C-alpha atoms as a PDB file:
ATOM      1  CA  MET A   1     -80.281 -41.797  20.935  1.00  0.00           C
ATOM      2  CA  THR A   2     -82.438 -40.510  23.775  1.00  0.00           C
ATOM      3  CA  ALA A   3     -84.493 -42.616  26.172  1.00  0.00           C
ATOM      4  CA  LYS A   4     -87.213 -41.837  28.711  1.00  0.00           C
ATOM      5  CA  ALA A   5     -88.918 -44.230  31.142  1.00  0.00           C
ATOM      6  CA  SER A   6     -90.440 -44.331  34.606  1.00  0.00           C
ATOM      7  CA  ARG A   7     -87.559 -46.507  35.765  1.00  0.00           C
ATOM      8  CA  ILE A   8     -84.118 -47.191  34.281  1.00  0.00           C
ATOM      9  CA  LEU A   9     -81.905 -49.938  35.723  1.00  0.00           C
ATOM     10  CA  TYR A  10     -78.294 -50.370  34.553  1.00  0.00           C
ATOM     11  CA  ARG A  11     -76.578 -53.681  35.279  1.00  0.00           C
ATOM     12  CA  MET A  12     -72.831 -53.044  35.235  1.00  0.00           C
ATOM     13  CA  ASP A  13     -71.833 -56.730  35.104  1.00  0.00           C
ATOM     14  CA  SER A  14     -73.778 -57.476  31.913  1.00  0.00           C
ATOM     15  CA  GLU A  15     -73.936 -53.900  30.554  1.00  0.00           C
ATOM     16  CA  VAL A  16     -77.697 -54.237  30.044  1.00  0.00           C
ATOM     17  CA  VAL A  17     -80.055 -51.309  30.591  1.00  0.00           C
ATOM     18  CA  THR A  18     -83.671 -52.202  31.459  1.00  0.00           C
ATOM     19  CA  LEU A  19     -86.248 -49.460  30.917  1.00  0.00           C
ATOM     20  CA  THR A  20     -89.760 -49.886  32.328  1.00  0.00           C
ATOM     21  CA  GLY A  21     -92.914 -47.777  32.395  1.00  0.00           C
ATOM     22  CA  ASP A  22     -93.902 -45.652  29.390  1.00  0.00           C
ATOM     23  CA  VAL A  23     -90.625 -46.196  27.549  1.00  0.00           C
ATOM     24  CA  ILE A  24     -89.815 -43.896  24.632  1.00  0.00           C
ATOM     25  CA  ILE A  25     -86.549 -44.333  22.734  1.00  0.00           C
ATOM     26  CA  GLU A  26     -85.814 -41.917  19.901  1.00  0.00           C
ATOM     27  CA  ASP A  27     -82.958 -41.736  17.433  1.00  0.00           C
ATOM     28  CA  PRO A  28     -82.591 -40.445  13.869  1.00  0.00           C
ATOM     29  CA  SER A  29     -83.831 -43.754  12.388  1.00  0.00           C
ATOM     30  CA  GLY A  30     -87.143 -43.787  14.313  1.00  0.00           C
ATOM     31  CA  THR A  31     -89.002 -44.181  17.598  1.00  0.00           C
ATOM     32  CA  LEU A  32     -89.677 -47.171  19.850  1.00  0.00           C
ATOM     33  CA  ARG A  33     -92.385 -47.184  22.543  1.00  0.00           C
ATOM     34  CA  GLY A  34     -93.386 -49.839  25.055  1.00  0.00           C
ATOM     35  CA  GLN A  35     -93.624 -50.760  28.715  1.00  0.00           C
ATOM     36  CA  THR A  36     -90.416 -52.817  29.021  1.00  0.00           C
ATOM     37  CA  VAL A  37     -87.312 -52.574  26.838  1.00  0.00           C
ATOM     38  CA  ASN A  38     -83.839 -54.034  27.368  1.00  0.00           C
ATOM     39  CA  TYR A  39     -80.780 -52.492  25.733  1.00  0.00           C
ATOM     40  CA  ASP A  40     -77.551 -54.512  25.540  1.00  0.00           C
ATOM     41  CA  MET A  41     -74.782 -51.923  25.423  1.00  0.00           C
ATOM     42  CA  ARG A  42     -72.186 -54.470  24.249  1.00  0.00           C
ATOM     43  CA  SER A  43     -74.076 -55.546  21.146  1.00  0.00           C
ATOM     44  CA  GLY A  44     -76.322 -52.494  20.659  1.00  0.00           C
ATOM     45  CA  ARG A  45     -79.348 -54.802  20.556  1.00  0.00           C
ATOM     46  CA  LEU A  46     -82.806 -53.735  21.786  1.00  0.00           C
ATOM     47  CA  SER A  47     -85.442 -56.224  22.915  1.00  0.00           C
ATOM     48  CA  GLY A  48     -88.892 -55.677  24.304  1.00  0.00           C
ATOM     49  CA  GLY A  49     -92.311 -57.136  24.851  1.00  0.00           C
ATOM     50  CA  ASN A  50     -90.992 -59.868  27.137  1.00  0.00           C
ATOM     51  CA  ASP A  51     -93.603 -58.840  29.716  1.00  0.00           C
ATOM     52  CA  GLY A  52     -96.454 -59.693  27.337  1.00  0.00           C
ATOM     53  CA  GLY A  53     -96.949 -56.032  26.426  1.00  0.00           C
ATOM     54  CA  ARG A  54     -96.699 -54.530  22.979  1.00  0.00           C
ATOM     55  CA  VAL A  55     -93.772 -52.624  21.583  1.00  0.00           C
ATOM     56  CA  ARG A  56     -94.441 -50.104  18.820  1.00  0.00           C
ATOM     57  CA  MET A  57     -91.703 -49.063  16.453  1.00  0.00           C
ATOM     58  CA  ARG A  58     -91.691 -46.372  13.783  1.00  0.00           C
ATOM     59  CA  LEU A  59     -88.794 -46.560  11.333  1.00  0.00           C
ATOM     60  CA  LEU A  60     -88.059 -43.629   9.092  1.00  0.00           C
ATOM     61  CA  PRO A  61     -86.852 -44.285   5.531  1.00  0.00           C
ATOM     62  CA  LYS A  62     -83.264 -43.508   4.699  1.00  0.00           C
ATOM     63  CA  ARG A  63     -82.782 -40.314   2.752  1.00  0.00           C
ATOM     64  CA  SER A  64     -81.250 -40.593  -0.691  1.00  0.00           C
ATOM     65  CA  ASP A  65     -78.494 -38.217  -1.691  1.00  0.00           C
ATOM     66  CA  ASP A  66     -79.924 -37.630  -5.198  1.00  0.00           C
END
């Protein structure tokens, strides 16, 4: 996973990363874009759009091994 944003804040006590400003998160399963995204490192959960902005997600289909 790679992430880019104007600002990245890591909270050590809760292990939550908050990305703000033109966020782009890419990994092999797809791409997520938005203005504010939170990533909980303990659970691996992403959340966004809490600021009233939109979050766009593109999920790529899994490849079959046929």
